[in-house]
Amino acid sequence: MSLLAERGSIHGRWNVSAACIEPLYNVTVGVKDVIVTVDMPFVNAKKVKLGYSEDNVLEVYAETSRTITFKALGAKHRHGEFKSYHARIRLPVRINDKKITSRFKRGVLELHLPRVK
């Protein structure tokens, strides 16, 4: 089940009614693992929720410590605010979701996802 199922889905990378935005992320596939980095400023590392489904989708959700406006981020072409991040990331290979390790530093979440052989 989706971590954001009760809040609605994100269309166009931003859900106005849920005050939720899709964060920037990067996926790097290695021989032994997949490394996913997710940019989530103003998030407490202990508040990050992860989910993984059998169709190789990694789901990341976190509420921010404060309301963030696009204006505060320097965006002049968009108006509004958000209070959480949510990303559904389709992975190109199967992973072992029981052995995920993570590190959170300066607003960037780094996940190491061991590949299934």
C-alpha atoms as a PDB file:
ATOM      1  CA  MET A   1       0.000   0.000   0.000  1.00  0.00           C
ATOM      2  CA  SER A   2       1.203   3.473  -0.818  1.00  0.00           C
ATOM      3  CA  LEU A   3       2.554   5.603   2.017  1.00  0.00           C
ATOM      4  CA  LEU A   4       0.505   8.476   0.637  1.00  0.00           C
ATOM      5  CA  ALA A   5      -2.647   6.551  -0.292  1.00  0.00           C
ATOM      6  CA  GLU A   6      -4.818   8.385   2.206  1.00  0.00           C
ATOM      7  CA  ARG A   7      -3.472  11.785   1.148  1.00  0.00           C
ATOM      8  CA  GLY A   8      -3.964  11.452  -2.612  1.00  0.00           C
ATOM      9  CA  SER A   9      -1.432  11.070  -5.381  1.00  0.00           C
ATOM     10  CA  ILE A  10       1.088  13.469  -6.808  1.00  0.00           C
ATOM     11  CA  HIS A  11       0.467  14.705 -10.330  1.00  0.00           C
ATOM     12  CA  GLY A  12       2.949  17.015 -11.959  1.00  0.00           C
ATOM     13  CA  ARG A  13       5.414  16.485  -9.080  1.00  0.00           C
ATOM     14  CA  TRP A  14       3.316  18.549  -6.646  1.00  0.00           C
ATOM     15  CA  ASN A  15       0.060  17.761  -4.827  1.00  0.00           C
ATOM     16  CA  VAL A  16      -1.525  21.034  -3.762  1.00  0.00           C
ATOM     17  CA  SER A  17      -4.269  19.508  -1.595  1.00  0.00           C
ATOM     18  CA  ALA A  18      -1.762  17.379   0.386  1.00  0.00           C
ATOM     19  CA  ALA A  19       0.888  20.162   0.434  1.00  0.00           C
ATOM     20  CA  CYS A  20       3.357  17.536  -0.821  1.00  0.00           C
ATOM     21  CA  ILE A  21       6.122  17.735  -3.416  1.00  0.00           C
ATOM     22  CA  GLU A  22       8.320  15.142  -5.125  1.00  0.00           C
ATOM     23  CA  PRO A  23      11.959  15.653  -4.080  1.00  0.00           C
ATOM     24  CA  LEU A  24      14.901  15.525  -6.445  1.00  0.00           C
ATOM     25  CA  TYR A  25      16.528  12.097  -6.444  1.00  0.00           C
ATOM     26  CA  ASN A  26      19.242  10.124  -8.211  1.00  0.00           C
ATOM     27  CA  VAL A  27      19.548   6.360  -8.771  1.00  0.00           C
ATOM     28  CA  THR A  28      22.954   4.740  -9.383  1.00  0.00           C
ATOM     29  CA  VAL A  29      23.085   1.026 -10.177  1.00  0.00           C
ATOM     30  CA  GLY A  30      26.243  -0.775  -9.121  1.00  0.00           C
ATOM     31  CA  VAL A  31      27.356  -4.399  -9.336  1.00  0.00           C
ATOM     32  CA  LYS A  32      26.388  -5.225  -5.739  1.00  0.00           C
ATOM     33  CA  ASP A  33      23.922  -2.495  -4.809  1.00  0.00           C
ATOM     34  CA  VAL A  34      21.758   0.394  -5.906  1.00  0.00           C
ATOM     35  CA  ILE A  35      22.451   3.791  -4.378  1.00  0.00           C
ATOM     36  CA  VAL A  36      19.553   6.235  -4.188  1.00  0.00           C
ATOM     37  CA  THR A  37      20.104   9.804  -3.026  1.00  0.00           C
ATOM     38  CA  VAL A  38      17.100  11.972  -2.195  1.00  0.00           C
ATOM     39  CA  ASP A  39      17.266  15.729  -1.552  1.00  0.00           C
ATOM     40  CA  MET A  40      15.013  16.514   1.426  1.00  0.00           C
ATOM     41  CA  PRO A  41      15.936  19.761   3.181  1.00  0.00           C
ATOM     42  CA  PHE A  42      14.198  20.610   6.470  1.00  0.00           C
ATOM     43  CA  VAL A  43      13.513  16.960   7.324  1.00  0.00           C
ATOM     44  CA  ASN A  44      14.320  15.103  10.537  1.00  0.00           C
ATOM     45  CA  ALA A  45      16.066  11.815   9.613  1.00  0.00           C
ATOM     46  CA  LYS A  46      13.928   9.917  12.145  1.00  0.00           C
ATOM     47  CA  LYS A  47      10.737  10.991  10.358  1.00  0.00           C
ATOM     48  CA  VAL A  48      11.604   9.419   6.977  1.00  0.00           C
ATOM     49  CA  LYS A  49       9.358   6.496   5.986  1.00  0.00           C
ATOM     50  CA  LEU A  50      10.399   3.924   3.397  1.00  0.00           C
ATOM     51  CA  GLY A  51       8.298   1.391   1.535  1.00  0.00           C
ATOM     52  CA  TYR A  52       9.105  -1.174  -1.135  1.00  0.00           C
ATOM     53  CA  SER A  53       6.709  -3.089  -3.330  1.00  0.00           C
ATOM     54  CA  GLU A  54       7.175  -6.288  -5.315  1.00  0.00           C
ATOM     55  CA  ASP A  55       7.014  -4.343  -8.586  1.00  0.00           C
ATOM     56  CA  ASN A  56      10.407  -2.727  -7.760  1.00  0.00           C
ATOM     57  CA  VAL A  57       9.068   0.605  -6.550  1.00  0.00           C
ATOM     58  CA  LEU A  58      10.803   2.306  -3.654  1.00  0.00           C
ATOM     59  CA  GLU A  59       8.631   4.809  -1.858  1.00  0.00           C
ATOM     60  CA  VAL A  60      10.068   7.616   0.285  1.00  0.00           C
ATOM     61  CA  TYR A  61       7.918   9.913   2.423  1.00  0.00           C
ATOM     62  CA  ALA A  62       8.851  12.550   5.018  1.00  0.00           C
ATOM     63  CA  GLU A  63       7.197  15.548   6.600  1.00  0.00           C
ATOM     64  CA  THR A  64       9.225  18.749   6.767  1.00  0.00           C
ATOM     65  CA  SER A  65      10.024  20.486  10.037  1.00  0.00           C
ATOM     66  CA  ARG A  66       8.347  23.634   8.721  1.00  0.00           C
ATOM     67  CA  THR A  67       6.192  24.826   5.861  1.00  0.00           C
ATOM     68  CA  ILE A  68       8.303  25.667   2.810  1.00  0.00           C
ATOM     69  CA  THR A  69       7.284  28.183   0.171  1.00  0.00           C
ATOM     70  CA  PHE A  70       8.501  28.150  -3.403  1.00  0.00           C
ATOM     71  CA  LYS A  71       9.355  31.816  -2.989  1.00  0.00           C
ATOM     72  CA  ALA A  72      11.772  30.947  -0.140  1.00  0.00           C
ATOM     73  CA  LEU A  73      13.481  28.517  -2.525  1.00  0.00           C
ATOM     74  CA  GLY A  74      13.940  31.265  -5.099  1.00  0.00           C
ATOM     75  CA  ALA A  75      11.238  30.081  -7.511  1.00  0.00           C
ATOM     76  CA  LYS A  76       9.531  33.034  -9.169  1.00  0.00           C
ATOM     77  CA  HIS A  77       7.407  31.054 -11.621  1.00  0.00           C
ATOM     78  CA  ARG A  78       5.457  29.063  -9.011  1.00  0.00           C
ATOM     79  CA  HIS A  79       3.485  30.015  -5.934  1.00  0.00           C
ATOM     80  CA  GLY A  80       2.432  27.827  -3.024  1.00  0.00           C
ATOM     81  CA  GLU A  81       3.811  25.911  -0.105  1.00  0.00           C
ATOM     82  CA  PHE A  82       4.447  22.331   0.926  1.00  0.00           C
ATOM     83  CA  LYS A  83       4.895  20.405   4.176  1.00  0.00           C
ATOM     84  CA  SER A  84       6.098  16.987   3.005  1.00  0.00           C
ATOM     85  CA  TYR A  85       8.063  15.081   0.379  1.00  0.00           C
ATOM     86  CA  HIS A  86       6.915  11.948  -1.423  1.00  0.00           C
ATOM     87  CA  ALA A  87       8.662   9.993  -4.167  1.00  0.00           C
ATOM     88  CA  ARG A  88       7.816   6.716  -5.899  1.00  0.00           C
ATOM     89  CA  ILE A  89      11.047   5.549  -7.505  1.00  0.00           C
ATOM     90  CA  ARG A  90      10.949   2.652  -9.959  1.00  0.00           C
ATOM     91  CA  LEU A  91      14.169   0.689  -9.581  1.00  0.00           C
ATOM     92  CA  PRO A  92      15.728  -1.001 -12.645  1.00  0.00           C
ATOM     93  CA  VAL A  93      16.772  -4.122 -10.683  1.00  0.00           C
ATOM     94  CA  ARG A  94      15.383  -6.157  -7.776  1.00  0.00           C
ATOM     95  CA  ILE A  95      16.730  -5.347  -4.325  1.00  0.00           C
ATOM     96  CA  ASN A  96      16.739  -6.936  -0.881  1.00  0.00           C
ATOM     97  CA  ASP A  97      14.533  -4.525   1.074  1.00  0.00           C
ATOM     98  CA  LYS A  98      15.412  -6.229   4.385  1.00  0.00           C
ATOM     99  CA  LYS A  99      19.051  -5.069   4.200  1.00  0.00           C
ATOM    100  CA  ILE A 100      18.669  -1.398   3.265  1.00  0.00           C
ATOM    101  CA  THR A 101      21.148   0.909   4.959  1.00  0.00           C
ATOM    102  CA  SER A 102      20.833   4.664   5.064  1.00  0.00           C
ATOM    103  CA  ARG A 103      22.661   7.836   5.945  1.00  0.00           C
ATOM    104  CA  PHE A 104      21.133  11.290   6.298  1.00  0.00           C
ATOM    105  CA  LYS A 105      23.397  14.312   6.202  1.00  0.00           C
ATOM    106  CA  ARG A 106      22.649  17.980   5.495  1.00  0.00           C
ATOM    107  CA  GLY A 107      19.227  17.275   4.045  1.00  0.00           C
ATOM    108  CA  VAL A 108      20.334  14.480   1.713  1.00  0.00           C
ATOM    109  CA  LEU A 109      19.178  10.910   2.289  1.00  0.00           C
ATOM    110  CA  GLU A 110      21.535   8.263   0.903  1.00  0.00           C
ATOM    111  CA  LEU A 111      20.169   4.727   0.659  1.00  0.00           C
ATOM    112  CA  HIS A 112      22.229   1.630  -0.117  1.00  0.00           C
ATOM    113  CA  LEU A 113      19.981  -1.095  -1.489  1.00  0.00           C
ATOM    114  CA  PRO A 114      21.661  -4.514  -1.926  1.00  0.00           C
ATOM    115  CA  ARG A 115      20.810  -6.176  -5.231  1.00  0.00           C
ATOM    116  CA  VAL A 116      19.158  -9.597  -5.345  1.00  0.00           C
ATOM    117  CA  LYS A 117      21.358 -12.114  -7.143  1.00  0.00           C
END
